[in-house]
Amino acid sequence: LLARNPVMFVVAVVSLLTTVLFLRDLLTGGGQLGFSFQIILWLWFTVL
C-alpha cells in the first residue's frame, strides 16, 4: 500500500533503516540513543 505513494514509501524505508541501526546501537551501547530514539519515533509518526 505504501508503494502507491513514492514519497511516503521512501520515508518508511529510511525510518526502517534508522530503526535497525538504533537496535544495533542499543545492543552495542554506541551512539546517542536518546536522541536517535526521538528522531526515529517522529519519523514513524510522519508515515502514520
ModelCIF file with pLDDT and N, C-alpha, C, O atoms, coordinates in Angstrom:
data_MODEL
#
_entry.id   MODEL 
#
_entity.id                         1 
_entity.type                       polymer 
_entity.pdbx_number_of_molecules   1 
#
_entity_poly.entity_id                      1 
_entity_poly.type                           'polypeptide(L)' 
_entity_poly.nstd_linkage                   no 
_entity_poly.nstd_monomer                   no 
_entity_poly.pdbx_seq_one_letter_code       LLARNPVMFVVAVVSLLTTVLFLRDLLTGGGQLGFSFQIILWLWFTVL 
_entity_poly.pdbx_seq_one_letter_code_can   LLARNPVMFVVAVVSLLTTVLFLRDLLTGGGQLGFSFQIILWLWFTVL 
_entity_poly.pdbx_strand_id                 A 
#
loop_
_entity_poly_seq.entity_id 
_entity_poly_seq.num 
_entity_poly_seq.mon_id 
_entity_poly_seq.hetero 
1 1  LEU n 
1 2  LEU n 
1 3  ALA n 
1 4  ARG n 
1 5  ASN n 
1 6  PRO n 
1 7  VAL n 
1 8  MET n 
1 9  PHE n 
1 10 VAL n 
1 11 VAL n 
1 12 ALA n 
1 13 VAL n 
1 14 VAL n 
1 15 SER n 
1 16 LEU n 
1 17 LEU n 
1 18 THR n 
1 19 THR n 
1 20 VAL n 
1 21 LEU n 
1 22 PHE n 
1 23 LEU n 
1 24 ARG n 
1 25 ASP n 
1 26 LEU n 
1 27 LEU n 
1 28 THR n 
1 29 GLY n 
1 30 GLY n 
1 31 GLY n 
1 32 GLN n 
1 33 LEU n 
1 34 GLY n 
1 35 PHE n 
1 36 SER n 
1 37 PHE n 
1 38 GLN n 
1 39 ILE n 
1 40 ILE n 
1 41 LEU n 
1 42 TRP n 
1 43 LEU n 
1 44 TRP n 
1 45 PHE n 
1 46 THR n 
1 47 VAL n 
1 48 LEU n 
#
_struct_asym.id          A 
_struct_asym.entity_id   1 
#
loop_
_ma_qa_metric.id 
_ma_qa_metric.mode 
_ma_qa_metric.name 
_ma_qa_metric.software_group_id 
_ma_qa_metric.type 
1 global pLDDT . pLDDT 
2 local  pLDDT . pLDDT 
#
_ma_qa_metric_global.metric_id      1 
_ma_qa_metric_global.metric_value   88.42 
_ma_qa_metric_global.model_id       1 
_ma_qa_metric_global.ordinal_id     1 
#
loop_
_ma_qa_metric_local.label_asym_id 
_ma_qa_metric_local.label_comp_id 
_ma_qa_metric_local.label_seq_id 
_ma_qa_metric_local.metric_id 
_ma_qa_metric_local.metric_value 
_ma_qa_metric_local.model_id 
_ma_qa_metric_local.ordinal_id 
A LEU 1  2 86.00 1 1  
A LEU 2  2 88.00 1 2  
A ALA 3  2 86.00 1 3  
A ARG 4  2 84.00 1 4  
A ASN 5  2 85.00 1 5  
A PRO 6  2 87.00 1 6  
A VAL 7  2 89.00 1 7  
A MET 8  2 91.00 1 8  
A PHE 9  2 92.00 1 9  
A VAL 10 2 91.00 1 10 
A VAL 11 2 92.00 1 11 
A ALA 12 2 93.00 1 12 
A VAL 13 2 93.00 1 13 
A VAL 14 2 92.00 1 14 
A SER 15 2 92.00 1 15 
A LEU 16 2 93.00 1 16 
A LEU 17 2 91.00 1 17 
A THR 18 2 91.00 1 18 
A THR 19 2 93.00 1 19 
A VAL 20 2 92.00 1 20 
A LEU 21 2 88.00 1 21 
A PHE 22 2 89.00 1 22 
A LEU 23 2 90.00 1 23 
A ARG 24 2 87.00 1 24 
A ASP 25 2 85.00 1 25 
A LEU 26 2 86.00 1 26 
A LEU 27 2 85.00 1 27 
A THR 28 2 83.00 1 28 
A GLY 29 2 76.00 1 29 
A GLY 30 2 70.00 1 30 
A GLY 31 2 67.00 1 31 
A GLN 32 2 77.00 1 32 
A LEU 33 2 84.00 1 33 
A GLY 34 2 87.00 1 34 
A PHE 35 2 86.00 1 35 
A SER 36 2 88.00 1 36 
A PHE 37 2 91.00 1 37 
A GLN 38 2 91.00 1 38 
A ILE 39 2 91.00 1 39 
A ILE 40 2 92.00 1 40 
A LEU 41 2 94.00 1 41 
A TRP 42 2 93.00 1 42 
A LEU 43 2 93.00 1 43 
A TRP 44 2 95.00 1 44 
A PHE 45 2 94.00 1 45 
A THR 46 2 93.00 1 46 
A VAL 47 2 94.00 1 47 
A LEU 48 2 94.00 1 48 
#
loop_
_atom_site.group_PDB 
_atom_site.id 
_atom_site.type_symbol 
_atom_site.label_atom_id 
_atom_site.label_alt_id 
_atom_site.label_comp_id 
_atom_site.label_asym_id 
_atom_site.label_entity_id 
_atom_site.label_seq_id 
_atom_site.pdbx_PDB_ins_code 
_atom_site.Cartn_x 
_atom_site.Cartn_y 
_atom_site.Cartn_z 
_atom_site.occupancy 
_atom_site.B_iso_or_equiv 
_atom_site.pdbx_formal_charge 
_atom_site.auth_seq_id 
_atom_site.auth_comp_id 
_atom_site.auth_asym_id 
_atom_site.auth_atom_id 
_atom_site.pdbx_PDB_model_num 
ATOM 1   N N  . LEU A 1 1  ? 0.828  -1.201 0.000  1.00 86.00 ? 1  LEU A N  1 
ATOM 2   C CA . LEU A 1 1  ? 0.000  0.000  0.000  1.00 86.00 ? 1  LEU A CA 1 
ATOM 3   C C  . LEU A 1 1  ? 0.865  1.254  0.000  1.00 86.00 ? 1  LEU A C  1 
ATOM 4   O O  . LEU A 1 1  ? 0.550  2.229  -0.681 1.00 86.00 ? 1  LEU A O  1 
ATOM 5   N N  . LEU A 1 2  ? 1.956  1.229  0.764  1.00 88.00 ? 2  LEU A N  1 
ATOM 6   C CA . LEU A 1 2  ? 2.842  2.387  0.826  1.00 88.00 ? 2  LEU A CA 1 
ATOM 7   C C  . LEU A 1 2  ? 3.478  2.688  -0.528 1.00 88.00 ? 2  LEU A C  1 
ATOM 8   O O  . LEU A 1 2  ? 3.748  3.846  -0.847 1.00 88.00 ? 2  LEU A O  1 
ATOM 9   N N  . ALA A 1 3  ? 3.717  1.648  -1.322 1.00 86.00 ? 3  ALA A N  1 
ATOM 10  C CA . ALA A 1 3  ? 4.391  1.830  -2.609 1.00 86.00 ? 3  ALA A CA 1 
ATOM 11  C C  . ALA A 1 3  ? 3.582  2.700  -3.567 1.00 86.00 ? 3  ALA A C  1 
ATOM 12  O O  . ALA A 1 3  ? 4.130  3.220  -4.539 1.00 86.00 ? 3  ALA A O  1 
ATOM 13  N N  . ARG A 1 4  ? 2.269  2.868  -3.304 1.00 84.00 ? 4  ARG A N  1 
ATOM 14  C CA . ARG A 1 4  ? 1.450  3.726  -4.165 1.00 84.00 ? 4  ARG A CA 1 
ATOM 15  C C  . ARG A 1 4  ? 1.817  5.196  -4.007 1.00 84.00 ? 4  ARG A C  1 
ATOM 16  O O  . ARG A 1 4  ? 1.525  6.018  -4.876 1.00 84.00 ? 4  ARG A O  1 
ATOM 17  N N  . ASN A 1 5  ? 2.464  5.518  -2.881 1.00 85.00 ? 5  ASN A N  1 
ATOM 18  C CA . ASN A 1 5  ? 2.863  6.898  -2.614 1.00 85.00 ? 5  ASN A CA 1 
ATOM 19  C C  . ASN A 1 5  ? 4.387  6.930  -2.510 1.00 85.00 ? 5  ASN A C  1 
ATOM 20  O O  . ASN A 1 5  ? 4.928  6.626  -1.447 1.00 85.00 ? 5  ASN A O  1 
ATOM 21  N N  . PRO A 1 6  ? 5.098  7.291  -3.588 1.00 87.00 ? 6  PRO A N  1 
ATOM 22  C CA . PRO A 1 6  ? 6.565  7.191  -3.603 1.00 87.00 ? 6  PRO A CA 1 
ATOM 23  C C  . PRO A 1 6  ? 7.247  7.950  -2.470 1.00 87.00 ? 6  PRO A C  1 
ATOM 24  O O  . PRO A 1 6  ? 8.200  7.448  -1.874 1.00 87.00 ? 6  PRO A O  1 
ATOM 25  N N  . VAL A 1 7  ? 6.767  9.154  -2.170 1.00 89.00 ? 7  VAL A N  1 
ATOM 26  C CA . VAL A 1 7  ? 7.419  9.966  -1.141 1.00 89.00 ? 7  VAL A CA 1 
ATOM 27  C C  . VAL A 1 7  ? 7.335  9.278  0.217  1.00 89.00 ? 7  VAL A C  1 
ATOM 28  O O  . VAL A 1 7  ? 8.344  9.117  0.904  1.00 89.00 ? 7  VAL A O  1 
ATOM 29  N N  . MET A 1 8  ? 6.119  8.871  0.601  1.00 91.00 ? 8  MET A N  1 
ATOM 30  C CA . MET A 1 8  ? 5.956  8.263  1.918  1.00 91.00 ? 8  MET A CA 1 
ATOM 31  C C  . MET A 1 8  ? 6.568  6.861  1.976  1.00 91.00 ? 8  MET A C  1 
ATOM 32  O O  . MET A 1 8  ? 6.953  6.393  3.048  1.00 91.00 ? 8  MET A O  1 
ATOM 33  N N  . PHE A 1 9  ? 6.655  6.204  0.842  1.00 92.00 ? 9  PHE A N  1 
ATOM 34  C CA . PHE A 1 9  ? 7.330  4.905  0.801  1.00 92.00 ? 9  PHE A CA 1 
ATOM 35  C C  . PHE A 1 9  ? 8.813  5.077  1.133  1.00 92.00 ? 9  PHE A C  1 
ATOM 36  O O  . PHE A 1 9  ? 9.385  4.277  1.874  1.00 92.00 ? 9  PHE A O  1 
ATOM 37  N N  . VAL A 1 10 ? 9.434  6.126  0.581  1.00 91.00 ? 10 VAL A N  1 
ATOM 38  C CA . VAL A 1 10 ? 10.845 6.402  0.869  1.00 91.00 ? 10 VAL A CA 1 
ATOM 39  C C  . VAL A 1 10 ? 11.022 6.740  2.353  1.00 91.00 ? 10 VAL A C  1 
ATOM 40  O O  . VAL A 1 10 ? 11.979 6.292  2.984  1.00 91.00 ? 10 VAL A O  1 
ATOM 41  N N  . VAL A 1 11 ? 10.093 7.536  2.909  1.00 92.00 ? 11 VAL A N  1 
ATOM 42  C CA . VAL A 1 11 ? 10.169 7.880  4.329  1.00 92.00 ? 11 VAL A CA 1 
ATOM 43  C C  . VAL A 1 11 ? 10.073 6.614  5.185  1.00 92.00 ? 11 VAL A C  1 
ATOM 44  O O  . VAL A 1 11 ? 10.796 6.470  6.171  1.00 92.00 ? 11 VAL A O  1 
ATOM 45  N N  . ALA A 1 12 ? 9.186  5.706  4.806  1.00 93.00 ? 12 ALA A N  1 
ATOM 46  C CA . ALA A 1 12 ? 9.048  4.458  5.561  1.00 93.00 ? 12 ALA A CA 1 
ATOM 47  C C  . ALA A 1 12 ? 10.325 3.621  5.479  1.00 93.00 ? 12 ALA A C  1 
ATOM 48  O O  . ALA A 1 12 ? 10.738 3.011  6.466  1.00 93.00 ? 12 ALA A O  1 
ATOM 49  N N  . VAL A 1 13 ? 10.950 3.595  4.296  1.00 93.00 ? 13 VAL A N  1 
ATOM 50  C CA . VAL A 1 13 ? 12.186 2.810  4.122  1.00 93.00 ? 13 VAL A CA 1 
ATOM 51  C C  . VAL A 1 13 ? 13.302 3.359  5.006  1.00 93.00 ? 13 VAL A C  1 
ATOM 52  O O  . VAL A 1 13 ? 13.981 2.599  5.696  1.00 93.00 ? 13 VAL A O  1 
ATOM 53  N N  . VAL A 1 14 ? 13.493 4.699  4.985  1.00 92.00 ? 14 VAL A N  1 
ATOM 54  C CA . VAL A 1 14 ? 14.583 5.267  5.798  1.00 92.00 ? 14 VAL A CA 1 
ATOM 55  C C  . VAL A 1 14 ? 14.255 5.175  7.284  1.00 92.00 ? 14 VAL A C  1 
ATOM 56  O O  . VAL A 1 14 ? 15.159 5.088  8.115  1.00 92.00 ? 14 VAL A O  1 
ATOM 57  N N  . SER A 1 15 ? 12.948 5.194  7.628  1.00 92.00 ? 15 SER A N  1 
ATOM 58  C CA . SER A 1 15 ? 12.556 5.007  9.033  1.00 92.00 ? 15 SER A CA 1 
ATOM 59  C C  . SER A 1 15 ? 12.923 3.606  9.498  1.00 92.00 ? 15 SER A C  1 
ATOM 60  O O  . SER A 1 15 ? 13.418 3.412  10.608 1.00 92.00 ? 15 SER A O  1 
ATOM 61  N N  . LEU A 1 16 ? 12.672 2.637  8.630  1.00 93.00 ? 16 LEU A N  1 
ATOM 62  C CA . LEU A 1 16 ? 13.029 1.253  8.956  1.00 93.00 ? 16 LEU A CA 1 
ATOM 63  C C  . LEU A 1 16 ? 14.544 1.101  9.071  1.00 93.00 ? 16 LEU A C  1 
ATOM 64  O O  . LEU A 1 16 ? 15.035 0.399  9.955  1.00 93.00 ? 16 LEU A O  1 
ATOM 65  N N  . LEU A 1 17 ? 15.288 1.761  8.172  1.00 91.00 ? 17 LEU A N  1 
ATOM 66  C CA . LEU A 1 17 ? 16.753 1.691  8.211  1.00 91.00 ? 17 LEU A CA 1 
ATOM 67  C C  . LEU A 1 17 ? 17.291 2.245  9.523  1.00 91.00 ? 17 LEU A C  1 
ATOM 68  O O  . LEU A 1 17 ? 18.140 1.622  10.160 1.00 91.00 ? 17 LEU A O  1 
ATOM 69  N N  . THR A 1 18 ? 16.801 3.412  9.930  1.00 91.00 ? 18 THR A N  1 
ATOM 70  C CA . THR A 1 18 ? 17.284 4.010  11.182 1.00 91.00 ? 18 THR A CA 1 
ATOM 71  C C  . THR A 1 18 ? 16.862 3.189  12.394 1.00 91.00 ? 18 THR A C  1 
ATOM 72  O O  . THR A 1 18 ? 17.571 3.151  13.399 1.00 91.00 ? 18 THR A O  1 
ATOM 73  N N  . THR A 1 19 ? 15.720 2.540  12.302 1.00 93.00 ? 19 THR A N  1 
ATOM 74  C CA . THR A 1 19 ? 15.274 1.676  13.406 1.00 93.00 ? 19 THR A CA 1 
ATOM 75  C C  . THR A 1 19 ? 16.235 0.507  13.584 1.00 93.00 ? 19 THR A C  1 
ATOM 76  O O  . THR A 1 19 ? 16.603 0.153  14.704 1.00 93.00 ? 19 THR A O  1 
ATOM 77  N N  . VAL A 1 20 ? 16.636 -0.089 12.459 1.00 92.00 ? 20 VAL A N  1 
ATOM 78  C CA . VAL A 1 20 ? 17.594 -1.208 12.512 1.00 92.00 ? 20 VAL A CA 1 
ATOM 79  C C  . VAL A 1 20 ? 18.923 -0.743 13.098 1.00 92.00 ? 20 VAL A C  1 
ATOM 80  O O  . VAL A 1 20 ? 19.520 -1.435 13.923 1.00 92.00 ? 20 VAL A O  1 
ATOM 81  N N  . LEU A 1 21 ? 19.389 0.444  12.663 1.00 88.00 ? 21 LEU A N  1 
ATOM 82  C CA . LEU A 1 21 ? 20.646 0.978  13.194 1.00 88.00 ? 21 LEU A CA 1 
ATOM 83  C C  . LEU A 1 21 ? 20.535 1.288  14.683 1.00 88.00 ? 21 LEU A C  1 
ATOM 84  O O  . LEU A 1 21 ? 21.489 1.096  15.437 1.00 88.00 ? 21 LEU A O  1 
ATOM 85  N N  . PHE A 1 22 ? 19.368 1.765  15.100 1.00 89.00 ? 22 PHE A N  1 
ATOM 86  C CA . PHE A 1 22 ? 19.150 2.059  16.529 1.00 89.00 ? 22 PHE A CA 1 
ATOM 87  C C  . PHE A 1 22 ? 19.221 0.780  17.357 1.00 89.00 ? 22 PHE A C  1 
ATOM 88  O O  . PHE A 1 22 ? 19.832 0.756  18.426 1.00 89.00 ? 22 PHE A O  1 
ATOM 89  N N  . LEU A 1 23 ? 18.595 -0.279 16.858 1.00 90.00 ? 23 LEU A N  1 
ATOM 90  C CA . LEU A 1 23 ? 18.634 -1.558 17.579 1.00 90.00 ? 23 LEU A CA 1 
ATOM 91  C C  . LEU A 1 23 ? 20.065 -2.075 17.668 1.00 90.00 ? 23 LEU A C  1 
ATOM 92  O O  . LEU A 1 23 ? 20.464 -2.653 18.679 1.00 90.00 ? 23 LEU A O  1 
ATOM 93  N N  . ARG A 1 24 ? 20.826 -1.865 16.609 1.00 87.00 ? 24 ARG A N  1 
ATOM 94  C CA . ARG A 1 24 ? 22.240 -2.271 16.643 1.00 87.00 ? 24 ARG A CA 1 
ATOM 95  C C  . ARG A 1 24 ? 22.998 -1.496 17.718 1.00 87.00 ? 24 ARG A C  1 
ATOM 96  O O  . ARG A 1 24 ? 23.742 -2.079 18.507 1.00 87.00 ? 24 ARG A O  1 
ATOM 97  N N  . ASP A 1 25 ? 22.801 -0.163 17.741 1.00 85.00 ? 25 ASP A N  1 
ATOM 98  C CA . ASP A 1 25 ? 23.489 0.661  18.746 1.00 85.00 ? 25 ASP A CA 1 
ATOM 99  C C  . ASP A 1 25 ? 23.013 0.325  20.152 1.00 85.00 ? 25 ASP A C  1 
ATOM 100 O O  . ASP A 1 25 ? 23.781 0.404  21.111 1.00 85.00 ? 25 ASP A O  1 
ATOM 101 N N  . LEU A 1 26 ? 21.754 -0.048 20.269 1.00 86.00 ? 26 LEU A N  1 
ATOM 102 C CA . LEU A 1 26 ? 21.218 -0.405 21.580 1.00 86.00 ? 26 LEU A CA 1 
ATOM 103 C C  . LEU A 1 26 ? 21.907 -1.649 22.117 1.00 86.00 ? 26 LEU A C  1 
ATOM 104 O O  . LEU A 1 26 ? 22.157 -1.759 23.317 1.00 86.00 ? 26 LEU A O  1 
ATOM 105 N N  . LEU A 1 27 ? 22.215 -2.590 21.219 1.00 85.00 ? 27 LEU A N  1 
ATOM 106 C CA . LEU A 1 27 ? 22.874 -3.823 21.628 1.00 85.00 ? 27 LEU A CA 1 
ATOM 107 C C  . LEU A 1 27 ? 24.361 -3.608 21.887 1.00 85.00 ? 27 LEU A C  1 
ATOM 108 O O  . LEU A 1 27 ? 24.944 -4.239 22.769 1.00 85.00 ? 27 LEU A O  1 
ATOM 109 N N  . THR A 1 28 ? 24.969 -2.711 21.110 1.00 83.00 ? 28 THR A N  1 
ATOM 110 C CA . THR A 1 28 ? 26.414 -2.487 21.243 1.00 83.00 ? 28 THR A CA 1 
ATOM 111 C C  . THR A 1 28 ? 26.741 -1.363 22.207 1.00 83.00 ? 28 THR A C  1 
ATOM 112 O O  . THR A 1 28 ? 27.890 -1.214 22.622 1.00 83.00 ? 28 THR A O  1 
ATOM 113 N N  . GLY A 1 29 ? 25.729 -0.559 22.571 1.00 76.00 ? 29 GLY A N  1 
ATOM 114 C CA . GLY A 1 29 ? 25.948 0.529  23.511 1.00 76.00 ? 29 GLY A CA 1 
ATOM 115 C C  . GLY A 1 29 ? 26.546 1.765  22.885 1.00 76.00 ? 29 GLY A C  1 
ATOM 116 O O  . GLY A 1 29 ? 27.035 2.628  23.614 1.00 76.00 ? 29 GLY A O  1 
ATOM 117 N N  . GLY A 1 30 ? 26.533 1.896  21.579 1.00 70.00 ? 30 GLY A N  1 
ATOM 118 C CA . GLY A 1 30 ? 27.109 3.064  20.922 1.00 70.00 ? 30 GLY A CA 1 
ATOM 119 C C  . GLY A 1 30 ? 26.048 4.050  20.507 1.00 70.00 ? 30 GLY A C  1 
ATOM 120 O O  . GLY A 1 30 ? 24.858 3.735  20.539 1.00 70.00 ? 30 GLY A O  1 
ATOM 121 N N  . GLY A 1 31 ? 26.470 5.263  20.110 1.00 67.00 ? 31 GLY A N  1 
ATOM 122 C CA . GLY A 1 31 ? 25.577 6.277  19.566 1.00 67.00 ? 31 GLY A CA 1 
ATOM 123 C C  . GLY A 1 31 ? 24.807 7.034  20.627 1.00 67.00 ? 31 GLY A C  1 
ATOM 124 O O  . GLY A 1 31 ? 24.824 6.678  21.806 1.00 67.00 ? 31 GLY A O  1 
ATOM 125 N N  . GLN A 1 32 ? 24.126 8.090  20.186 1.00 77.00 ? 32 GLN A N  1 
ATOM 126 C CA . GLN A 1 32 ? 23.277 8.899  21.070 1.00 77.00 ? 32 GLN A CA 1 
ATOM 127 C C  . GLN A 1 32 ? 21.876 8.281  21.059 1.00 77.00 ? 32 GLN A C  1 
ATOM 128 O O  . GLN A 1 32 ? 21.020 8.664  20.261 1.00 77.00 ? 32 GLN A O  1 
ATOM 129 N N  . LEU A 1 33 ? 21.666 7.334  21.945 1.00 84.00 ? 33 LEU A N  1 
ATOM 130 C CA . LEU A 1 33 ? 20.445 6.534  21.899 1.00 84.00 ? 33 LEU A CA 1 
ATOM 131 C C  . LEU A 1 33 ? 19.187 7.369  22.126 1.00 84.00 ? 33 LEU A C  1 
ATOM 132 O O  . LEU A 1 33 ? 18.200 7.209  21.407 1.00 84.00 ? 33 LEU A O  1 
ATOM 133 N N  . GLY A 1 34 ? 19.213 8.256  23.116 1.00 87.00 ? 34 GLY A N  1 
ATOM 134 C CA . GLY A 1 34 ? 18.024 9.059  23.400 1.00 87.00 ? 34 GLY A CA 1 
ATOM 135 C C  . GLY A 1 34 ? 17.646 9.947  22.236 1.00 87.00 ? 34 GLY A C  1 
ATOM 136 O O  . GLY A 1 34 ? 16.475 10.018 21.862 1.00 87.00 ? 34 GLY A O  1 
ATOM 137 N N  . PHE A 1 35 ? 18.630 10.630 21.655 1.00 86.00 ? 35 PHE A N  1 
ATOM 138 C CA . PHE A 1 35 ? 18.389 11.497 20.509 1.00 86.00 ? 35 PHE A CA 1 
ATOM 139 C C  . PHE A 1 35 ? 17.898 10.692 19.302 1.00 86.00 ? 35 PHE A C  1 
ATOM 140 O O  . PHE A 1 35 ? 16.944 11.079 18.628 1.00 86.00 ? 35 PHE A O  1 
ATOM 141 N N  . SER A 1 36 ? 18.572 9.560  19.041 1.00 88.00 ? 36 SER A N  1 
ATOM 142 C CA . SER A 1 36 ? 18.195 8.713  17.900 1.00 88.00 ? 36 SER A CA 1 
ATOM 143 C C  . SER A 1 36 ? 16.775 8.178  18.053 1.00 88.00 ? 36 SER A C  1 
ATOM 144 O O  . SER A 1 36 ? 16.005 8.143  17.093 1.00 88.00 ? 36 SER A O  1 
ATOM 145 N N  . PHE A 1 37 ? 16.436 7.757  19.285 1.00 91.00 ? 37 PHE A N  1 
ATOM 146 C CA . PHE A 1 37 ? 15.102 7.215  19.515 1.00 91.00 ? 37 PHE A CA 1 
ATOM 147 C C  . PHE A 1 37 ? 14.012 8.249  19.207 1.00 91.00 ? 37 PHE A C  1 
ATOM 148 O O  . PHE A 1 37 ? 13.000 7.922  18.588 1.00 91.00 ? 37 PHE A O  1 
ATOM 149 N N  . GLN A 1 38 ? 14.222 9.486  19.638 1.00 91.00 ? 38 GLN A N  1 
ATOM 150 C CA . GLN A 1 38 ? 13.230 10.535 19.391 1.00 91.00 ? 38 GLN A CA 1 
ATOM 151 C C  . GLN A 1 38 ? 13.088 10.824 17.886 1.00 91.00 ? 38 GLN A C  1 
ATOM 152 O O  . GLN A 1 38 ? 11.979 11.019 17.388 1.00 91.00 ? 38 GLN A O  1 
ATOM 153 N N  . ILE A 1 39 ? 14.209 10.848 17.178 1.00 91.00 ? 39 ILE A N  1 
ATOM 154 C CA . ILE A 1 39 ? 14.158 11.079 15.732 1.00 91.00 ? 39 ILE A CA 1 
ATOM 155 C C  . ILE A 1 39 ? 13.383 9.960  15.042 1.00 91.00 ? 39 ILE A C  1 
ATOM 156 O O  . ILE A 1 39 ? 12.514 10.210 14.206 1.00 91.00 ? 39 ILE A O  1 
ATOM 157 N N  . ILE A 1 40 ? 13.716 8.715  15.411 1.00 92.00 ? 40 ILE A N  1 
ATOM 158 C CA . ILE A 1 40 ? 13.053 7.557  14.791 1.00 92.00 ? 40 ILE A CA 1 
ATOM 159 C C  . ILE A 1 40 ? 11.550 7.569  15.090 1.00 92.00 ? 40 ILE A C  1 
ATOM 160 O O  . ILE A 1 40 ? 10.729 7.282  14.219 1.00 92.00 ? 40 ILE A O  1 
ATOM 161 N N  . LEU A 1 41 ? 11.207 7.906  16.334 1.00 94.00 ? 41 LEU A N  1 
ATOM 162 C CA . LEU A 1 41 ? 9.804  7.956  16.727 1.00 94.00 ? 41 LEU A CA 1 
ATOM 163 C C  . LEU A 1 41 ? 9.021  8.932  15.842 1.00 94.00 ? 41 LEU A C  1 
ATOM 164 O O  . LEU A 1 41 ? 7.930  8.611  15.368 1.00 94.00 ? 41 LEU A O  1 
ATOM 165 N N  . TRP A 1 42 ? 9.583  10.118 15.624 1.00 93.00 ? 42 TRP A N  1 
ATOM 166 C CA . TRP A 1 42 ? 8.883  11.122 14.817 1.00 93.00 ? 42 TRP A CA 1 
ATOM 167 C C  . TRP A 1 42 ? 8.913  10.788 13.322 1.00 93.00 ? 42 TRP A C  1 
ATOM 168 O O  . TRP A 1 42 ? 8.035  11.213 12.570 1.00 93.00 ? 42 TRP A O  1 
ATOM 169 N N  . LEU A 1 43 ? 9.912  10.037 12.903 1.00 93.00 ? 43 LEU A N  1 
ATOM 170 C CA . LEU A 1 43 ? 9.909  9.570  11.513 1.00 93.00 ? 43 LEU A CA 1 
ATOM 171 C C  . LEU A 1 43 ? 8.722  8.642  11.266 1.00 93.00 ? 43 LEU A C  1 
ATOM 172 O O  . LEU A 1 43 ? 8.024  8.763  10.259 1.00 93.00 ? 43 LEU A O  1 
ATOM 173 N N  . TRP A 1 44 ? 8.505  7.712  12.202 1.00 95.00 ? 44 TRP A N  1 
ATOM 174 C CA . TRP A 1 44 ? 7.361  6.796  12.055 1.00 95.00 ? 44 TRP A CA 1 
ATOM 175 C C  . TRP A 1 44 ? 6.040  7.550  12.207 1.00 95.00 ? 44 TRP A C  1 
ATOM 176 O O  . TRP A 1 44 ? 5.057  7.219  11.545 1.00 95.00 ? 44 TRP A O  1 
ATOM 177 N N  . PHE A 1 45 ? 6.014  8.564  13.079 1.00 94.00 ? 45 PHE A N  1 
ATOM 178 C CA . PHE A 1 45 ? 4.806  9.389  13.196 1.00 94.00 ? 45 PHE A CA 1 
ATOM 179 C C  . PHE A 1 45 ? 4.491  10.078 11.870 1.00 94.00 ? 45 PHE A C  1 
ATOM 180 O O  . PHE A 1 45 ? 3.326  10.212 11.497 1.00 94.00 ? 45 PHE A O  1 
ATOM 181 N N  . THR A 1 46 ? 5.536  10.516 11.158 1.00 93.00 ? 46 THR A N  1 
ATOM 182 C CA . THR A 1 46 ? 5.322  11.167 9.864  1.00 93.00 ? 46 THR A CA 1 
ATOM 183 C C  . THR A 1 46 ? 4.604  10.226 8.902  1.00 93.00 ? 46 THR A C  1 
ATOM 184 O O  . THR A 1 46 ? 3.660  10.631 8.224  1.00 93.00 ? 46 THR A O  1 
ATOM 185 N N  . VAL A 1 47 ? 5.047  8.980  8.843  1.00 94.00 ? 47 VAL A N  1 
ATOM 186 C CA . VAL A 1 47 ? 4.407  7.989  7.973  1.00 94.00 ? 47 VAL A CA 1 
ATOM 187 C C  . VAL A 1 47 ? 2.977  7.707  8.437  1.00 94.00 ? 47 VAL A C  1 
ATOM 188 O O  . VAL A 1 47 ? 2.051  7.656  7.628  1.00 94.00 ? 47 VAL A O  1 
ATOM 189 N N  . LEU A 1 48 ? 2.809  7.522  9.757  1.00 94.00 ? 48 LEU A N  1 
ATOM 190 C CA . LEU A 1 48 ? 1.486  7.209  10.292 1.00 94.00 ? 48 LEU A CA 1 
ATOM 191 C C  . LEU A 1 48 ? 0.513  8.369  10.100 1.00 94.00 ? 48 LEU A C  1 
ATOM 192 O O  . LEU A 1 48 ? -0.649 8.273  10.495 1.00 94.00 ? 48 LEU A O  1 
#
